[in-house]
PDB file of N, CA and C in Angstrom:
ATOM      1  N   MET A   1     -94.292 -17.118  97.216  1.00  0.00           N
ATOM      2  CA  MET A   1     -93.204 -16.859  96.073  1.00  0.00           C
ATOM      3  C   MET A   1     -92.286 -16.115  95.824  1.00  0.00           C
ATOM      4  N   THR A   2     -91.209 -16.797  95.014  1.00  0.00           N
ATOM      5  CA  THR A   2     -90.056 -16.039  95.262  1.00  0.00           C
ATOM      6  C   THR A   2     -90.609 -15.211  93.796  1.00  0.00           C
ATOM      7  N   PRO A   3     -89.631 -14.065  93.800  1.00  0.00           N
ATOM      8  CA  PRO A   3     -89.773 -12.925  92.868  1.00  0.00           C
ATOM      9  C   PRO A   3     -89.520 -13.943  91.390  1.00  0.00           C
ATOM     10  N   ARG A   4     -88.795 -14.796  91.429  1.00  0.00           N
ATOM     11  CA  ARG A   4     -87.893 -15.409  90.049  1.00  0.00           C
ATOM     12  C   ARG A   4     -89.405 -16.511  89.387  1.00  0.00           C
ATOM     13  N   LEU A   5     -89.770 -16.832  90.099  1.00  0.00           N
ATOM     14  CA  LEU A   5     -90.715 -18.354  89.917  1.00  0.00           C
ATOM     15  C   LEU A   5     -92.069 -17.509  88.880  1.00  0.00           C
ATOM     16  N   PRO A   6     -92.482 -16.503  89.191  1.00  0.00           N
ATOM     17  CA  PRO A   6     -93.698 -16.123  88.265  1.00  0.00           C
ATOM     18  C   PRO A   6     -92.849 -15.514  86.773  1.00  0.00           C
ATOM     19  N   ILE A   7     -91.918 -15.423  86.729  1.00  0.00           N
ATOM     20  CA  ILE A   7     -91.137 -14.437  85.908  1.00  0.00           C
ATOM     21  C   ILE A   7     -90.630 -16.151  84.749  1.00  0.00           C
ATOM     22  N   LEU A   8     -90.254 -17.068  85.994  1.00  0.00           N
ATOM     23  CA  LEU A   8     -89.807 -18.197  85.028  1.00  0.00           C
ATOM     24  C   LEU A   8     -90.985 -18.851  84.280  1.00  0.00           C
ATOM     25  N   LEU A   9     -92.066 -18.662  85.078  1.00  0.00           N
ATOM     26  CA  LEU A   9     -93.070 -19.288  84.941  1.00  0.00           C
ATOM     27  C   LEU A   9     -93.834 -18.431  83.233  1.00  0.00           C
ATOM     28  N   LEU A  10     -93.620 -17.441  82.979  1.00  0.00           N
ATOM     29  CA  LEU A  10     -93.935 -16.445  82.039  1.00  0.00           C
ATOM     30  C   LEU A  10     -93.249 -16.886  81.020  1.00  0.00           C
ATOM     31  N   LEU A  11     -91.633 -17.212  81.283  1.00  0.00           N
ATOM     32  CA  LEU A  11     -91.142 -17.753  80.195  1.00  0.00           C
ATOM     33  C   LEU A  11     -91.468 -18.470  79.094  1.00  0.00           C
ATOM     34  N   LEU A  12     -91.433 -19.453  80.416  1.00  0.00           N
ATOM     35  CA  LEU A  12     -91.824 -20.649  79.633  1.00  0.00           C
ATOM     36  C   LEU A  12     -93.214 -21.063  79.002  1.00  0.00           C
ATOM     37  N   ALA A  13     -94.063 -20.025  79.522  1.00  0.00           N
ATOM     38  CA  ALA A  13     -95.224 -20.537  78.886  1.00  0.00           C
ATOM     39  C   ALA A  13     -95.299 -19.619  77.636  1.00  0.00           C
ATOM     40  N   THR A  14     -94.138 -18.176  77.544  1.00  0.00           N
ATOM     41  CA  THR A  14     -93.902 -17.593  75.761  1.00  0.00           C
ATOM     42  C   THR A  14     -92.952 -18.807  75.460  1.00  0.00           C
ATOM     43  N   LEU A  15     -92.115 -19.299  75.660  1.00  0.00           N
ATOM     44  CA  LEU A  15     -91.351 -20.175  74.520  1.00  0.00           C
ATOM     45  C   LEU A  15     -92.459 -21.625  74.318  1.00  0.00           C
ATOM     46  N   ALA A  16     -93.370 -22.064  75.065  1.00  0.00           N
ATOM     47  CA  ALA A  16     -94.094 -22.797  74.748  1.00  0.00           C
ATOM     48  C   ALA A  16     -94.856 -22.687  73.568  1.00  0.00           C
ATOM     49  N   SER A  17     -95.587 -21.250  73.511  1.00  0.00           N
ATOM     50  CA  SER A  17     -96.550 -20.806  72.282  1.00  0.00           C
ATOM     51  C   SER A  17     -95.621 -20.415  71.359  1.00  0.00           C
ATOM     52  N   PHE A  18     -94.164 -20.379  71.521  1.00  0.00           N
ATOM     53  CA  PHE A  18     -93.621 -19.968  69.878  1.00  0.00           C
ATOM     54  C   PHE A  18     -93.366 -21.638  69.451  1.00  0.00           C
ATOM     55  N   ALA A  19     -92.970 -22.293  69.956  1.00  0.00           N
ATOM     56  CA  ALA A  19     -92.993 -23.618  69.829  1.00  0.00           C
ATOM     57  C   ALA A  19     -94.112 -24.372  68.828  1.00  0.00           C
ATOM     58  N   SER A  20     -95.453 -24.071  69.938  1.00  0.00           N
ATOM     59  CA  SER A  20     -96.468 -24.776  69.231  1.00  0.00           C
ATOM     60  C   SER A  20     -97.163 -23.910  67.848  1.00  0.00           C
ATOM     61  N   ALA A  21     -96.964 -22.913  67.791  1.00  0.00           N
ATOM     62  CA  ALA A  21     -97.067 -22.065  66.672  1.00  0.00           C
ATOM     63  C   ALA A  21     -96.786 -22.497  65.464  1.00  0.00           C
ATOM     64  N   GLN A  22     -97.582 -22.750  63.990  1.00  0.00           N
ATOM     65  CA  GLN A  22     -96.801 -22.682  63.212  1.00  0.00           C
ATOM     66  C   GLN A  22     -96.503 -21.533  62.406  1.00  0.00           C
ATOM     67  N   ASP A  23     -95.480 -21.161  61.732  1.00  0.00           N
ATOM     68  CA  ASP A  23     -94.854 -20.157  60.887  1.00  0.00           C
ATOM     69  C   ASP A  23     -95.927 -20.038  60.208  1.00  0.00           C
ATOM     70  N   ALA A  24     -95.741 -18.820  59.967  1.00  0.00           N
ATOM     71  CA  ALA A  24     -96.911 -18.398  59.019  1.00  0.00           C
ATOM     72  C   ALA A  24     -96.567 -18.564  57.539  1.00  0.00           C
ATOM     73  N   ALA A  25     -95.315 -18.513  57.312  1.00  0.00           N
ATOM     74  CA  ALA A  25     -94.883 -18.618  56.004  1.00  0.00           C
ATOM     75  C   ALA A  25     -95.486 -20.368  55.387  1.00  0.00           C
ATOM     76  N   ASP A  26     -95.235 -21.135  56.534  1.00  0.00           N
ATOM     77  CA  ASP A  26     -95.829 -22.505  56.227  1.00  0.00           C
ATOM     78  C   ASP A  26     -97.372 -22.687  56.306  1.00  0.00           C
ATOM     79  N   CYS A  27     -97.680 -21.848  56.856  1.00  0.00           N
ATOM     80  CA  CYS A  27     -99.621 -21.606  56.649  1.00  0.00           C
ATOM     81  C   CYS A  27     -99.823 -21.316  55.077  1.00  0.00           C
ATOM     82  N   ASN A  28     -99.177 -20.063  54.724  1.00  0.00           N
ATOM     83  CA  ASN A  28    -100.030 -19.526  53.658  1.00  0.00           C
ATOM     84  C   ASN A  28     -98.929 -20.626  52.661  1.00  0.00           C
ATOM     85  N   LYS A  29     -97.950 -21.182  52.618  1.00  0.00           N
ATOM     86  CA  LYS A  29     -97.772 -21.932  51.492  1.00  0.00           C
ATOM     87  C   LYS A  29     -98.619 -23.183  51.256  1.00  0.00           C
ATOM     88  N   ALA A  30     -98.862 -23.875  52.155  1.00  0.00           N
ATOM     89  CA  ALA A  30     -99.728 -25.089  52.759  1.00  0.00           C
ATOM     90  C   ALA A  30    -101.018 -24.727  51.862  1.00  0.00           C
ATOM     91  N   TYR A  31    -101.818 -23.091  52.257  1.00  0.00           N
ATOM     92  CA  TYR A  31    -102.878 -22.405  51.499  1.00  0.00           C
ATOM     93  C   TYR A  31    -103.018 -22.461  50.348  1.00  0.00           C
ATOM     94  N   ASP A  32    -101.660 -21.710  49.924  1.00  0.00           N
ATOM     95  CA  ASP A  32    -101.740 -21.420  48.452  1.00  0.00           C
ATOM     96  C   ASP A  32    -101.559 -22.854  47.376  1.00  0.00           C
ATOM     97  N   SER A  33    -101.178 -23.642  48.093  1.00  0.00           N
ATOM     98  CA  SER A  33    -100.979 -25.506  47.135  1.00  0.00           C
ATOM     99  C   SER A  33    -102.911 -25.457  47.346  1.00  0.00           C
ATOM    100  N   MET A  34    -103.236 -25.526  48.301  1.00  0.00           N
ATOM    101  CA  MET A  34    -104.931 -26.144  47.996  1.00  0.00           C
ATOM    102  C   MET A  34    -105.334 -25.273  47.423  1.00  0.00           C
ATOM    103  N   LEU A  35    -105.658 -24.103  47.318  1.00  0.00           N
ATOM    104  CA  LEU A  35    -106.049 -23.243  46.280  1.00  0.00           C
ATOM    105  C   LEU A  35    -105.798 -23.434  44.909  1.00  0.00           C
ATOM    106  N   GLN A  36    -104.572 -23.516  44.922  1.00  0.00           N
ATOM    107  CA  GLN A  36    -103.965 -24.268  43.692  1.00  0.00           C
ATOM    108  C   GLN A  36    -104.868 -25.572  42.729  1.00  0.00           C
ATOM    109  N   ARG A  37    -105.043 -26.492  43.670  1.00  0.00           N
ATOM    110  CA  ARG A  37    -105.938 -27.756  43.160  1.00  0.00           C
ATOM    111  C   ARG A  37    -107.005 -27.329  43.449  1.00  0.00           C
ATOM    112  N   ILE A  38    -107.528 -26.559  44.107  1.00  0.00           N
ATOM    113  CA  ILE A  38    -109.488 -26.560  43.783  1.00  0.00           C
ATOM    114  C   ILE A  38    -109.297 -25.604  42.301  1.00  0.00           C
ATOM    115  N   GLU A  39    -108.386 -24.517  42.066  1.00  0.00           N
ATOM    116  CA  GLU A  39    -108.652 -24.319  40.631  1.00  0.00           C
ATOM    117  C   GLU A  39    -108.518 -24.894  39.732  1.00  0.00           C
ATOM    118  N   ARG A  40    -107.791 -25.931  39.716  1.00  0.00           N
ATOM    119  CA  ARG A  40    -107.791 -27.066  38.948  1.00  0.00           C
ATOM    120  C   ARG A  40    -108.799 -27.878  38.551  1.00  0.00           C
ATOM    121  N   GLN A  41    -109.596 -27.848  39.440  1.00  0.00           N
ATOM    122  CA  GLN A  41    -110.712 -28.909  39.759  1.00  0.00           C
ATOM    123  C   GLN A  41    -112.676 -27.465  39.421  1.00  0.00           C
ATOM    124  N   ALA A  42    -112.039 -26.767  39.288  1.00  0.00           N
ATOM    125  CA  ALA A  42    -113.035 -25.928  39.312  1.00  0.00           C
ATOM    126  C   ALA A  42    -114.007 -25.985  38.471  1.00  0.00           C
ATOM    127  N   SER A  43    -113.358 -26.621  37.034  1.00  0.00           N
ATOM    128  CA  SER A  43    -114.360 -26.845  35.443  1.00  0.00           C
ATOM    129  C   SER A  43    -115.172 -28.153  35.938  1.00  0.00           C
ATOM    130  N   GLN A  44    -114.884 -29.110  36.945  1.00  0.00           N
ATOM    131  CA  GLN A  44    -115.541 -29.978  37.324  1.00  0.00           C
ATOM    132  C   GLN A  44    -116.145 -30.377  38.454  1.00  0.00           C
ATOM    133  N   LEU A  45    -116.240 -28.777  38.986  1.00  0.00           N
ATOM    134  CA  LEU A  45    -117.515 -29.050  40.426  1.00  0.00           C
ATOM    135  C   LEU A  45    -118.622 -27.918  40.180  1.00  0.00           C
ATOM    136  N   PRO A  46    -119.429 -28.265  40.943  1.00  0.00           N
ATOM    137  CA  PRO A  46    -120.147 -26.884  40.978  1.00  0.00           C
ATOM    138  C   PRO A  46    -119.866 -26.047  41.757  1.00  0.00           C
ATOM    139  N   ALA A  47    -120.490 -24.700  41.892  1.00  0.00           N
ATOM    140  CA  ALA A  47    -120.299 -23.952  42.167  1.00  0.00           C
ATOM    141  C   ALA A  47    -120.345 -23.657  43.602  1.00  0.00           C
ATOM    142  N   GLU A  48    -121.312 -24.055  44.116  1.00  0.00           N
ATOM    143  CA  GLU A  48    -121.512 -24.375  45.868  1.00  0.00           C
ATOM    144  C   GLU A  48    -120.100 -25.107  46.319  1.00  0.00           C
ATOM    145  N   ARG A  49    -120.000 -26.093  45.598  1.00  0.00           N
ATOM    146  CA  ARG A  49    -118.720 -26.971  46.106  1.00  0.00           C
ATOM    147  C   ARG A  49    -117.428 -26.045  46.149  1.00  0.00           C
ATOM    148  N   LEU A  50    -117.250 -25.773  44.816  1.00  0.00           N
ATOM    149  CA  LEU A  50    -116.162 -24.792  44.794  1.00  0.00           C
ATOM    150  C   LEU A  50    -116.087 -23.737  46.507  1.00  0.00           C
ATOM    151  N   LEU A  51    -117.141 -23.113  46.681  1.00  0.00           N
ATOM    152  CA  LEU A  51    -117.570 -22.400  47.794  1.00  0.00           C
ATOM    153  C   LEU A  51    -116.911 -22.782  48.874  1.00  0.00           C
ATOM    154  N   VAL A  52    -117.580 -24.034  49.106  1.00  0.00           N
ATOM    155  CA  VAL A  52    -117.282 -24.944  50.488  1.00  0.00           C
ATOM    156  C   VAL A  52    -115.837 -25.114  50.173  1.00  0.00           C
ATOM    157  N   LEU A  53    -115.388 -25.478  49.338  1.00  0.00           N
ATOM    158  CA  LEU A  53    -113.929 -26.005  49.694  1.00  0.00           C
ATOM    159  C   LEU A  53    -112.673 -24.762  49.830  1.00  0.00           C
ATOM    160  N   ARG A  54    -113.337 -23.434  49.204  1.00  0.00           N
ATOM    161  CA  ARG A  54    -112.627 -22.240  49.855  1.00  0.00           C
ATOM    162  C   ARG A  54    -112.920 -21.613  51.191  1.00  0.00           C
ATOM    163  N   ARG A  55    -113.985 -22.113  51.518  1.00  0.00           N
ATOM    164  CA  ARG A  55    -114.156 -21.434  52.955  1.00  0.00           C
ATOM    165  C   ARG A  55    -113.728 -22.485  53.889  1.00  0.00           C
ATOM    166  N   ARG A  56    -113.741 -24.030  53.270  1.00  0.00           N
ATOM    167  CA  ARG A  56    -112.894 -24.834  54.916  1.00  0.00           C
ATOM    168  C   ARG A  56    -111.427 -24.307  54.795  1.00  0.00           C
ATOM    169  N   ALA A  57    -111.100 -23.915  53.276  1.00  0.00           N
ATOM    170  CA  ALA A  57    -109.283 -24.198  53.439  1.00  0.00           C
ATOM    171  C   ALA A  57    -108.970 -22.664  54.182  1.00  0.00           C
ATOM    172  N   GLN A  58    -110.042 -21.795  53.930  1.00  0.00           N
ATOM    173  CA  GLN A  58    -109.490 -20.653  54.606  1.00  0.00           C
ATOM    174  C   GLN A  58    -110.001 -20.535  56.317  1.00  0.00           C
ATOM    175  N   ARG A  59    -110.400 -21.230  56.852  1.00  0.00           N
ATOM    176  CA  ARG A  59    -110.675 -21.977  57.962  1.00  0.00           C
ATOM    177  C   ARG A  59    -109.416 -22.225  58.645  1.00  0.00           C
ATOM    178  N   ILE A  60    -108.999 -23.374  58.189  1.00  0.00           N
ATOM    179  CA  ILE A  60    -108.097 -24.118  57.974  1.00  0.00           C
ATOM    180  C   ILE A  60    -106.470 -23.320  57.995  1.00  0.00           C
ATOM    181  N   LEU A  61    -106.752 -22.530  57.242  1.00  0.00           N
ATOM    182  CA  LEU A  61    -105.347 -21.217  57.149  1.00  0.00           C
ATOM    183  C   LEU A  61    -105.671 -20.416  58.418  1.00  0.00           C
ATOM    184  N   ASP A  62    -106.813 -19.688  59.064  1.00  0.00           N
ATOM    185  CA  ASP A  62    -106.794 -19.103  60.332  1.00  0.00           C
ATOM    186  C   ASP A  62    -106.295 -20.242  61.312  1.00  0.00           C
ATOM    187  N   ALA A  63    -106.867 -21.294  61.474  1.00  0.00           N
ATOM    188  CA  ALA A  63    -106.486 -22.115  62.652  1.00  0.00           C
ATOM    189  C   ALA A  63    -104.856 -22.252  62.366  1.00  0.00           C
ATOM    190  N   CYS A  64    -104.451 -22.555  61.369  1.00  0.00           N
ATOM    191  CA  CYS A  64    -102.463 -22.865  61.561  1.00  0.00           C
ATOM    192  C   CYS A  64    -102.200 -21.711  61.718  1.00  0.00           C
ATOM    193  N   ARG A  65    -102.772 -20.305  61.426  1.00  0.00           N
ATOM    194  CA  ARG A  65    -102.061 -19.179  61.929  1.00  0.00           C
ATOM    195  C   ARG A  65    -102.240 -19.073  63.069  1.00  0.00           C
ATOM    196  N   SER A  66    -103.265 -19.005  64.195  1.00  0.00           N
ATOM    197  CA  SER A  66    -103.293 -18.574  65.373  1.00  0.00           C
ATOM    198  C   SER A  66    -102.826 -20.001  65.943  1.00  0.00           C
ATOM    199  N   GLY A  67    -101.744 -21.149  65.436  1.00  0.00           N
ATOM    200  CA  GLY A  67    -101.499 -21.937  66.271  1.00  0.00           C
ATOM    201  C   GLY A  67    -101.815 -23.194  66.424  1.00  0.00           C
ATOM    202  N   HIS A  68    -103.386 -23.618  66.424  1.00  0.00           N
ATOM    203  CA  HIS A  68    -104.220 -24.369  66.603  1.00  0.00           C
ATOM    204  C   HIS A  68    -104.409 -25.932  65.852  1.00  0.00           C
ATOM    205  N   VAL A  69    -103.270 -25.281  64.728  1.00  0.00           N
ATOM    206  CA  VAL A  69    -103.479 -27.122  63.953  1.00  0.00           C
ATOM    207  C   VAL A  69    -101.542 -27.324  63.531  1.00  0.00           C
ATOM    208  N   GLU A  70    -101.470 -28.400  64.059  1.00  0.00           N
ATOM    209  CA  GLU A  70     -99.723 -28.744  64.183  1.00  0.00           C
ATOM    210  C   GLU A  70     -99.651 -28.879  62.580  1.00  0.00           C
ATOM    211  N   ASP A  71    -100.224 -29.543  61.946  1.00  0.00           N
ATOM    212  CA  ASP A  71     -99.742 -30.058  60.378  1.00  0.00           C
ATOM    213  C   ASP A  71    -101.198 -29.566  59.342  1.00  0.00           C
ATOM    214  N   PRO A  72    -100.960 -28.650  58.890  1.00  0.00           N
ATOM    215  CA  PRO A  72    -101.947 -27.954  57.920  1.00  0.00           C
ATOM    216  C   PRO A  72    -102.075 -28.557  57.061  1.00  0.00           C
ATOM    217  N   ARG A  73    -100.661 -29.014  56.165  1.00  0.00           N
ATOM    218  CA  ARG A  73    -101.218 -30.039  55.007  1.00  0.00           C
ATOM    219  C   ARG A  73    -101.585 -31.201  55.340  1.00  0.00           C
ATOM    220  N   ALA A  74    -101.864 -31.996  56.313  1.00  0.00           N
ATOM    221  CA  ALA A  74    -102.674 -32.641  56.332  1.00  0.00           C
ATOM    222  C   ALA A  74    -104.087 -32.550  56.037  1.00  0.00           C
ATOM    223  N   LEU A  75    -104.491 -31.461  56.832  1.00  0.00           N
ATOM    224  CA  LEU A  75    -105.765 -31.281  56.795  1.00  0.00           C
ATOM    225  C   LEU A  75    -106.465 -30.299  55.484  1.00  0.00           C
ATOM    226  N   PHE A  76    -105.324 -30.058  54.725  1.00  0.00           N
ATOM    227  CA  PHE A  76    -105.502 -29.565  53.149  1.00  0.00           C
ATOM    228  C   PHE A  76    -105.281 -30.847  52.732  1.00  0.00           C
ATOM    229  N   ASP A  77    -104.990 -31.624  52.473  1.00  0.00           N
ATOM    230  CA  ASP A  77    -104.999 -33.078  51.692  1.00  0.00           C
ATOM    231  C   ASP A  77    -106.284 -33.827  52.261  1.00  0.00           C
ATOM    232  N   ARG A  78    -106.329 -34.031  53.283  1.00  0.00           N
ATOM    233  CA  ARG A  78    -107.988 -34.582  53.482  1.00  0.00           C
ATOM    234  C   ARG A  78    -109.016 -34.014  53.021  1.00  0.00           C
ATOM    235  N   LEU A  79    -108.681 -32.702  53.107  1.00  0.00           N
ATOM    236  CA  LEU A  79    -110.029 -31.574  52.315  1.00  0.00           C
ATOM    237  C   LEU A  79    -109.970 -32.028  50.761  1.00  0.00           C
ATOM    238  N   ASP A  80    -108.586 -32.076  50.146  1.00  0.00           N
ATOM    239  CA  ASP A  80    -108.514 -32.219  49.016  1.00  0.00           C
ATOM    240  C   ASP A  80    -108.995 -33.554  48.624  1.00  0.00           C
ATOM    241  N   ARG A  81    -109.109 -34.336  49.306  1.00  0.00           N
ATOM    242  CA  ARG A  81    -109.704 -35.792  49.133  1.00  0.00           C
ATOM    243  C   ARG A  81    -110.962 -36.247  49.113  1.00  0.00           C
ATOM    244  N   GLY A  82    -111.806 -35.070  49.661  1.00  0.00           N
ATOM    245  CA  GLY A  82    -113.408 -35.163  49.691  1.00  0.00           C
ATOM    246  C   GLY A  82    -113.639 -35.611  51.086  1.00  0.00           C
ATOM    247  N   ARG A  83    -112.620 -36.158  51.952  1.00  0.00           N
ATOM    248  CA  ARG A  83    -113.091 -36.444  53.690  1.00  0.00           C
ATOM    249  C   ARG A  83    -113.287 -35.324  54.349  1.00  0.00           C
ATOM    250  N   ASP A  84    -113.952 -34.233  53.845  1.00  0.00           N
ATOM    251  CA  ASP A  84    -114.000 -33.132  55.058  1.00  0.00           C
ATOM    252  C   ASP A  84    -115.378 -33.402  55.511  1.00  0.00           C
TER     253      ASP A  84
END
C-alpha cells in the first residue's frame, strides 16, 4: 500500500463524519422547541408523562449531537404527537 492511500482513507472518513453529524445548533434548536411544546402541555398531562417526554427528548438530543439522527425535528414531532 502506498503511503498516500491510508492518508486519503483517513481524510475521506473524517469528511464523511463531518457531513453526517448534525450541527449542534440545529439539535439544540429542535430540542428547545420540543421543551416549549412539553411545557405548554404541562397542566394537561400527569407528572409521569411529562417526565417520560422530557427524558425521551433528552435522548433524541444526545443522539442528534452524536450524529446518530439525521432529522431530529421528525423525531421530536413524532414524540409530540404521542406516537413514541
